[in-house]
Amino acid sequence: MRKRVKLGIVLVPLGAAVIGGTVLYVTDHQATKAVGTPTYQVATVKQSTFTVAGKVAPVAQQQLTIPDGKVQQLNVANGDTVTAGQVLLTTFLDKSMDLAEQQATLDKGNRVATSAQNTINQLTQQLQQLPADDPTRADLDSQLRDAKSNLADAQADVQTNQQALQRGQNSQYGQVTAPYDGRISVSYDQSGKVQLAITGAGLQATGLVSEYDYDKVKDHRDVAIKALATKQEAKTTLNFLSTNPAKESSKNMARYAFTTDNLDATQFMNGQSLTITVPQDGIRVPMAAVKHGHVYRYVAGKARKTPVTTEKRDGYLVVTAGLQAKERIIMNPDNQLKDAAQVAISD
């Protein structure tokens, strides 16, 4: 009786940040020839992938700046959901001393303007009483022009001082608004001052890739993610890959952050651990499966000698042309195996 043999999936470590690159072939049957001849293993090949650890994180998250002054009203509680533009907190900063100085400057400017207007009125009245040929008219006309110029300057100063006073009065009142939809975190520092942070409603997948694996991510956009705890899976797209090392980098290895498009918040939770799988070009096979630039596909019970183009990566050969994912190949061909040879599958 022929024995049936099965081999499991093998994982090849790809680095500290990498969970593992999924082996791209699974032995599904043991193929045999006649009694006394070598035994061959048949496997179905898969597209090459690169898998890295990741997390679910908010698309946006920030600490909000609290204006100087005393908090007048806190409109939210820890954990509240808010909308963009919503007023979260109001403050008051007493500036009465500064405002008093600004008011005094404004009052002085008003007096100057009033004096200039009075001078204009007096000169105008005098000119109206003089004959047209009176020799003193020229001097009065000159004084009137100066008075009008002084009035214009005084009025401009008054307007500037009024605006400054208004700004000062308004600056006493501060408020914090939500920059976007999200959830609010309320806390207090050691002095008792309130602190506000907001976490956006959107979620994304985030991860780190080492400098050695950077090229495995930079030219690819479609990714598959899977939550470790719930086994929830989703397809998404990479939308950002940093060119600057992340703070998690070490002395001997730089790491670079990447993020994906938004995830469905009904399927994933902030903080969940993920695997993020990035498809790679080509099909990876063991070196032993390739003989003199050929593989033997298993088709309808026969070995089919097939030319392939390969390149070496991480101790494996990657077939870049000549073989398709989901095809079945003989994993351990030898010199006795010939094209179109009958290869039986044991039951």
Protein backbone atom coordinates (compact mmCIF):
# COMPACT_ATOMS: atom_id res chain seq x y z
CA MET A 1 0.00 0.00 0.00
CA ARG A 2 1.32 3.47 -0.90
CA LYS A 3 1.62 5.96 1.95
CA ARG A 4 0.09 9.38 1.83
CA VAL A 5 2.34 12.16 3.09
CA LYS A 6 1.39 15.80 3.87
CA LEU A 7 3.68 18.72 4.61
CA GLY A 8 2.49 21.80 6.51
CA ILE A 9 3.02 25.48 5.79
CA VAL A 10 6.50 26.76 6.64
CA LEU A 11 7.19 30.28 7.95
CA VAL A 12 10.41 32.06 7.10
CA PRO A 13 11.36 34.89 9.56
CA LEU A 14 12.03 38.20 7.84
CA GLY A 15 13.31 40.36 10.68
CA ALA A 16 12.46 41.68 14.11
CA ALA A 17 9.46 43.69 12.93
CA VAL A 18 8.32 41.04 10.56
CA ILE A 19 6.02 38.27 11.66
CA GLY A 20 7.03 36.15 8.73
CA GLY A 21 6.86 35.87 5.00
CA THR A 22 4.26 33.27 4.16
CA VAL A 23 5.76 30.35 2.30
CA LEU A 24 4.30 30.31 -1.12
CA TYR A 25 3.76 26.65 -1.65
CA VAL A 26 1.79 24.02 0.23
CA THR A 27 2.47 20.34 -0.32
CA ASP A 28 -0.90 18.80 -0.93
CA HIS A 29 -0.06 15.30 -2.20
CA GLN A 30 2.82 12.93 -2.47
CA ALA A 31 3.27 11.84 -6.08
CA THR A 32 4.76 8.42 -6.91
CA LYS A 33 5.95 6.48 -9.90
CA ALA A 34 6.11 2.78 -10.26
CA VAL A 35 7.61 0.67 -7.49
CA GLY A 36 11.37 1.16 -7.22
CA THR A 37 11.42 4.65 -8.74
CA PRO A 38 11.94 7.97 -6.87
CA THR A 39 9.05 9.69 -5.08
CA TYR A 40 8.03 13.23 -5.93
CA GLN A 41 6.19 15.83 -3.87
CA VAL A 42 3.58 18.03 -5.53
CA ALA A 43 2.65 21.48 -4.23
CA THR A 44 0.40 24.38 -5.19
CA VAL A 45 2.33 27.63 -5.49
CA LYS A 46 1.10 31.03 -4.31
CA GLN A 47 1.97 34.63 -4.95
CA SER A 48 4.82 35.95 -2.84
CA THR A 49 3.81 38.07 0.18
CA PHE A 50 5.47 40.13 2.89
CA THR A 51 3.86 40.23 6.34
CA VAL A 52 4.57 42.72 9.12
CA ALA A 53 3.06 43.43 12.54
CA GLY A 54 0.80 46.45 12.93
CA LYS A 55 -1.80 48.21 15.07
CA VAL A 56 -5.15 49.90 14.63
CA ALA A 57 -4.73 53.60 15.38
CA PRO A 58 -6.77 56.80 15.02
CA VAL A 59 -6.40 58.69 11.77
CA ALA A 60 -6.06 61.91 13.83
CA GLN A 61 -5.15 62.53 17.47
CA GLN A 62 -3.88 65.66 19.21
CA GLN A 63 -3.55 67.58 22.46
CA LEU A 64 -5.63 70.75 22.39
CA THR A 65 -4.16 74.11 23.46
CA ILE A 66 -5.95 75.75 26.39
CA PRO A 67 -5.90 79.60 26.31
CA ASP A 68 -4.41 81.46 29.26
CA GLY A 69 -6.83 82.46 32.00
CA LYS A 70 -9.38 80.93 34.31
CA VAL A 71 -11.70 78.27 32.95
CA GLN A 72 -15.20 79.69 32.96
CA GLN A 73 -17.05 76.69 31.62
CA LEU A 74 -16.11 73.13 30.65
CA ASN A 75 -18.76 71.85 28.26
CA VAL A 76 -17.61 68.22 27.87
CA ALA A 77 -16.83 65.22 30.04
CA ASN A 78 -14.17 62.57 29.56
CA GLY A 79 -15.15 60.24 26.72
CA ASP A 80 -17.75 62.54 25.15
CA THR A 81 -18.25 62.37 21.39
CA VAL A 82 -17.98 65.80 19.74
CA THR A 83 -18.38 67.33 16.30
CA ALA A 84 -16.07 69.68 14.43
CA GLY A 85 -16.47 73.30 15.62
CA GLN A 86 -18.20 72.39 18.90
CA VAL A 87 -17.17 74.67 21.81
CA LEU A 88 -15.49 72.49 24.42
CA LEU A 89 -14.29 75.03 26.97
CA THR A 90 -14.30 78.80 27.64
CA THR A 91 -11.80 80.90 29.62
CA PHE A 92 -11.46 84.45 30.98
CA LEU A 93 -8.16 86.33 31.44
CA ASP A 94 -8.43 89.60 33.37
CA LYS A 95 -6.66 92.39 31.45
CA SER A 96 -8.26 95.34 33.25
CA MET A 97 -4.94 97.14 33.86
CA ASP A 98 -3.93 96.97 30.21
CA LEU A 99 -7.41 97.96 29.14
CA ALA A 100 -7.32 100.99 31.46
CA GLU A 101 -4.14 102.21 29.79
CA GLN A 102 -5.65 101.67 26.35
CA GLN A 103 -8.78 103.56 27.40
CA ALA A 104 -6.67 106.47 28.64
CA THR A 105 -4.84 106.59 25.32
CA LEU A 106 -8.14 106.56 23.48
CA ASP A 107 -9.56 109.37 25.65
CA LYS A 108 -6.47 111.48 25.00
CA GLY A 109 -6.82 110.95 21.27
CA ASN A 110 -10.47 112.02 21.42
CA ARG A 111 -9.49 115.21 23.19
CA VAL A 112 -6.89 115.97 20.52
CA ALA A 113 -9.47 115.38 17.81
CA THR A 114 -12.00 117.58 19.58
CA SER A 115 -9.46 120.37 19.95
CA ALA A 116 -8.55 120.17 16.26
CA GLN A 117 -12.24 120.34 15.32
CA ASN A 118 -12.77 123.37 17.52
CA THR A 119 -9.81 125.11 15.89
CA ILE A 120 -11.25 124.40 12.46
CA ASN A 121 -14.61 125.82 13.49
CA GLN A 122 -13.02 129.00 14.84
CA LEU A 123 -10.83 129.58 11.77
CA THR A 124 -13.72 128.91 9.45
CA GLN A 125 -15.86 131.47 11.28
CA GLN A 126 -13.09 134.08 11.13
CA LEU A 127 -12.58 133.57 7.41
CA GLN A 128 -16.29 133.98 6.78
CA GLN A 129 -16.21 137.39 8.46
CA LEU A 130 -13.22 138.74 6.52
CA PRO A 131 -13.47 140.53 3.17
CA ALA A 132 -12.13 138.61 0.22
CA ASP A 133 -9.21 141.00 -0.19
CA ASP A 134 -8.19 141.05 3.48
CA PRO A 135 -4.40 140.43 3.68
CA THR A 136 -4.76 138.20 6.78
CA ARG A 137 -6.80 135.58 4.91
CA ALA A 138 -3.68 133.81 3.58
CA ASP A 139 -2.36 133.19 7.09
CA LEU A 140 -5.77 131.99 8.32
CA ASP A 141 -6.10 129.66 5.32
CA SER A 142 -2.70 128.14 6.19
CA GLN A 143 -3.77 127.66 9.82
CA LEU A 144 -7.01 126.04 8.65
CA ARG A 145 -5.17 123.56 6.45
CA ASP A 146 -2.90 122.61 9.37
CA ALA A 147 -5.89 122.20 11.68
CA LYS A 148 -7.65 119.92 9.21
CA SER A 149 -4.48 117.84 8.84
CA ASN A 150 -4.19 117.58 12.63
CA LEU A 151 -7.84 116.49 12.84
CA ALA A 152 -7.31 113.76 10.25
CA ASP A 153 -4.28 112.46 12.15
CA ALA A 154 -6.15 112.57 15.45
CA GLN A 155 -9.16 110.74 14.00
CA ALA A 156 -6.88 108.01 12.56
CA ASP A 157 -5.24 107.60 15.98
CA VAL A 158 -8.65 107.38 17.63
CA GLN A 159 -9.76 104.67 15.22
CA THR A 160 -6.56 102.69 15.79
CA ASN A 161 -6.89 103.00 19.57
CA GLN A 162 -10.57 101.99 19.47
CA GLN A 163 -9.67 98.84 17.53
CA ALA A 164 -6.84 98.02 19.94
CA LEU A 165 -9.16 98.47 22.91
CA GLN A 166 -11.76 96.22 21.29
CA ARG A 167 -9.18 93.53 20.62
CA GLY A 168 -7.96 93.75 24.19
CA GLN A 169 -11.46 93.39 25.54
CA ASN A 170 -12.16 90.41 23.27
CA SER A 171 -8.83 88.75 24.13
CA GLN A 172 -9.98 88.31 27.70
CA TYR A 173 -12.38 85.62 26.50
CA GLY A 174 -10.95 82.41 25.09
CA GLN A 175 -12.46 79.18 23.88
CA VAL A 176 -11.43 75.75 22.63
CA THR A 177 -13.34 74.15 19.75
CA ALA A 178 -13.13 70.65 18.33
CA PRO A 179 -10.97 70.63 15.18
CA TYR A 180 -12.80 67.57 13.82
CA ASP A 181 -15.32 64.89 14.80
CA GLY A 182 -14.02 62.63 17.52
CA ARG A 183 -13.91 61.64 21.17
CA ILE A 184 -12.64 63.92 23.95
CA SER A 185 -10.26 62.98 26.75
CA VAL A 186 -10.38 65.25 29.84
CA SER A 187 -7.58 65.18 32.40
CA TYR A 188 -5.85 67.50 34.90
CA ASP A 189 -2.15 68.26 35.41
CA GLN A 190 -0.40 68.46 38.80
CA SER A 191 -1.45 72.08 39.26
CA GLY A 192 -5.08 71.18 38.61
CA LYS A 193 -5.23 72.77 35.18
CA VAL A 194 -7.57 71.00 32.80
CA GLN A 195 -6.10 69.21 29.74
CA LEU A 196 -8.08 68.29 26.63
CA ALA A 197 -7.15 65.79 23.91
CA ILE A 198 -9.18 64.62 20.95
CA THR A 199 -9.09 61.34 19.08
CA GLY A 200 -10.61 61.39 15.60
CA ALA A 201 -13.45 59.08 14.69
CA GLY A 202 -11.58 57.45 11.78
CA LEU A 203 -9.34 54.40 12.19
CA GLN A 204 -6.34 53.24 10.15
CA ALA A 205 -3.77 50.47 10.20
CA THR A 206 -0.23 51.50 11.10
CA GLY A 207 3.06 49.63 11.06
CA LEU A 208 6.83 49.87 10.90
CA VAL A 209 9.08 48.44 8.21
CA SER A 210 12.85 48.06 8.55
CA GLU A 211 15.34 49.61 6.18
CA TYR A 212 16.06 46.10 4.86
CA ASP A 213 12.42 45.52 3.90
CA TYR A 214 11.56 49.07 2.79
CA ASP A 215 11.51 48.12 -0.90
CA LYS A 216 8.97 45.39 -0.17
CA VAL A 217 6.45 48.05 0.81
CA LYS A 218 7.26 51.22 -1.15
CA ASP A 219 6.11 50.01 -4.58
CA HIS A 220 2.94 48.29 -3.38
CA ARG A 221 -0.39 49.77 -2.33
CA ASP A 222 -2.97 47.01 -1.88
CA VAL A 223 -2.66 45.22 1.46
CA ALA A 224 -4.61 42.71 3.52
CA ILE A 225 -5.00 43.15 7.27
CA LYS A 226 -6.13 40.72 9.95
CA ALA A 227 -6.92 41.38 13.62
CA LEU A 228 -5.13 38.83 15.79
CA ALA A 229 -7.80 38.70 18.49
CA THR A 230 -10.99 38.66 16.42
CA LYS A 231 -9.60 37.20 13.15
CA GLN A 232 -11.45 40.01 11.33
CA GLU A 233 -9.95 40.56 7.87
CA ALA A 234 -10.12 43.45 5.42
CA LYS A 235 -8.56 44.72 2.22
CA THR A 236 -7.22 48.26 2.22
CA THR A 237 -4.60 50.49 0.64
CA LEU A 238 -1.34 52.01 1.85
CA ASN A 239 -1.59 55.80 1.78
CA PHE A 240 1.67 56.85 3.45
CA LEU A 241 5.22 55.50 3.83
CA SER A 242 7.62 57.76 5.67
CA THR A 243 11.07 58.60 4.36
CA ASN A 244 12.25 59.60 7.85
CA PRO A 245 13.22 57.03 10.51
CA ALA A 246 10.66 56.54 13.28
CA LYS A 247 11.48 57.05 16.95
CA GLU A 248 11.31 53.26 17.36
CA SER A 249 14.46 52.91 15.24
CA SER A 250 17.55 51.47 16.92
CA LYS A 251 21.22 52.27 16.50
CA ASN A 252 21.72 49.43 14.05
CA MET A 253 18.37 49.43 12.25
CA ALA A 254 16.17 52.22 10.98
CA ARG A 255 12.43 51.68 10.88
CA TYR A 256 9.89 53.62 8.84
CA ALA A 257 6.22 54.20 9.63
CA PHE A 258 3.41 53.53 7.19
CA THR A 259 -0.37 53.91 7.34
CA THR A 260 -3.39 52.73 5.39
CA ASP A 261 -6.70 54.18 4.29
CA ASN A 262 -9.56 54.29 6.79
CA LEU A 263 -10.82 51.05 8.31
CA ASP A 264 -14.42 50.18 9.13
CA ALA A 265 -14.88 51.22 12.78
CA THR A 266 -17.60 48.58 13.18
CA GLN A 267 -15.07 45.83 12.43
CA PHE A 268 -11.90 47.10 14.12
CA MET A 269 -11.03 48.80 17.43
CA ASN A 270 -8.40 51.34 18.30
CA GLY A 271 -5.28 49.58 19.61
CA GLN A 272 -5.96 46.14 18.10
CA SER A 273 -2.93 44.12 17.01
CA LEU A 274 -2.80 43.26 13.33
CA THR A 275 -0.90 41.41 10.68
CA ILE A 276 -0.46 43.48 7.53
CA THR A 277 0.28 41.46 4.40
CA VAL A 278 1.72 43.12 1.31
CA PRO A 279 1.66 41.16 -1.98
CA GLN A 280 5.02 40.89 -3.75
CA ASP A 281 5.98 40.39 -7.35
CA GLY A 282 6.69 36.81 -8.43
CA ILE A 283 6.18 33.33 -7.00
CA ARG A 284 8.66 31.93 -4.51
CA VAL A 285 9.75 28.30 -4.82
CA PRO A 286 12.53 26.22 -3.22
CA MET A 287 15.78 26.12 -5.14
CA ALA A 288 15.44 22.34 -5.41
CA ALA A 289 12.27 22.73 -7.48
CA VAL A 290 14.18 24.43 -10.31
CA LYS A 291 16.44 22.35 -12.57
CA HIS A 292 18.49 24.08 -15.25
CA GLY A 293 16.02 26.96 -15.57
CA HIS A 294 12.93 24.71 -15.61
CA VAL A 295 10.25 23.56 -13.22
CA TYR A 296 7.97 20.57 -13.68
CA ARG A 297 4.32 21.49 -13.45
CA TYR A 298 1.94 18.72 -12.42
CA VAL A 299 -0.89 18.68 -14.97
CA ALA A 300 -3.46 15.92 -15.34
CA GLY A 301 -1.19 13.30 -13.81
CA LYS A 302 1.89 14.22 -15.86
CA ALA A 303 5.05 16.23 -15.33
CA ARG A 304 5.26 19.20 -17.71
CA LYS A 305 8.72 20.69 -18.11
CA THR A 306 8.32 24.47 -18.08
CA PRO A 307 11.02 27.14 -18.59
CA VAL A 308 10.99 29.86 -15.93
CA THR A 309 12.78 33.12 -15.20
CA THR A 310 14.01 33.35 -11.62
CA GLU A 311 15.96 35.54 -9.21
CA LYS A 312 17.35 34.68 -5.80
CA ARG A 313 15.80 36.27 -2.71
CA ASP A 314 16.26 35.35 0.96
CA GLY A 315 17.48 31.83 0.22
CA TYR A 316 14.68 31.08 -2.22
CA LEU A 317 14.16 31.45 -5.91
CA VAL A 318 11.41 33.82 -7.02
CA VAL A 319 9.84 32.92 -10.35
CA THR A 320 9.17 36.17 -12.20
CA ALA A 321 7.98 34.58 -15.47
CA GLY A 322 6.76 31.18 -16.65
CA LEU A 323 4.66 30.15 -13.65
CA GLN A 324 1.28 31.30 -12.32
CA ALA A 325 -0.10 31.31 -8.82
CA LYS A 326 -2.25 28.26 -7.97
CA GLU A 327 -0.39 26.03 -10.42
CA ARG A 328 1.01 22.75 -9.04
CA ILE A 329 4.67 21.86 -9.36
CA ILE A 330 6.90 18.95 -8.45
CA MET A 331 9.00 20.09 -5.51
CA ASN A 332 11.89 17.61 -5.74
CA PRO A 333 12.56 16.74 -9.41
CA ASP A 334 15.59 14.62 -10.15
CA ASN A 335 17.55 13.66 -13.27
CA GLN A 336 15.24 10.72 -13.95
CA LEU A 337 12.15 12.90 -14.32
CA LYS A 338 11.27 13.65 -17.95
CA ASP A 339 8.80 15.89 -19.67
CA ALA A 340 5.35 14.33 -20.03
CA ALA A 341 6.26 11.49 -17.62
CA GLN A 342 3.27 9.96 -15.89
CA VAL A 343 3.16 10.87 -12.20
CA ALA A 344 0.53 9.23 -10.04
CA ILE A 345 -1.05 10.76 -6.95
CA SER A 346 -1.45 8.42 -4.02
CA ASP A 347 -4.85 8.28 -2.33
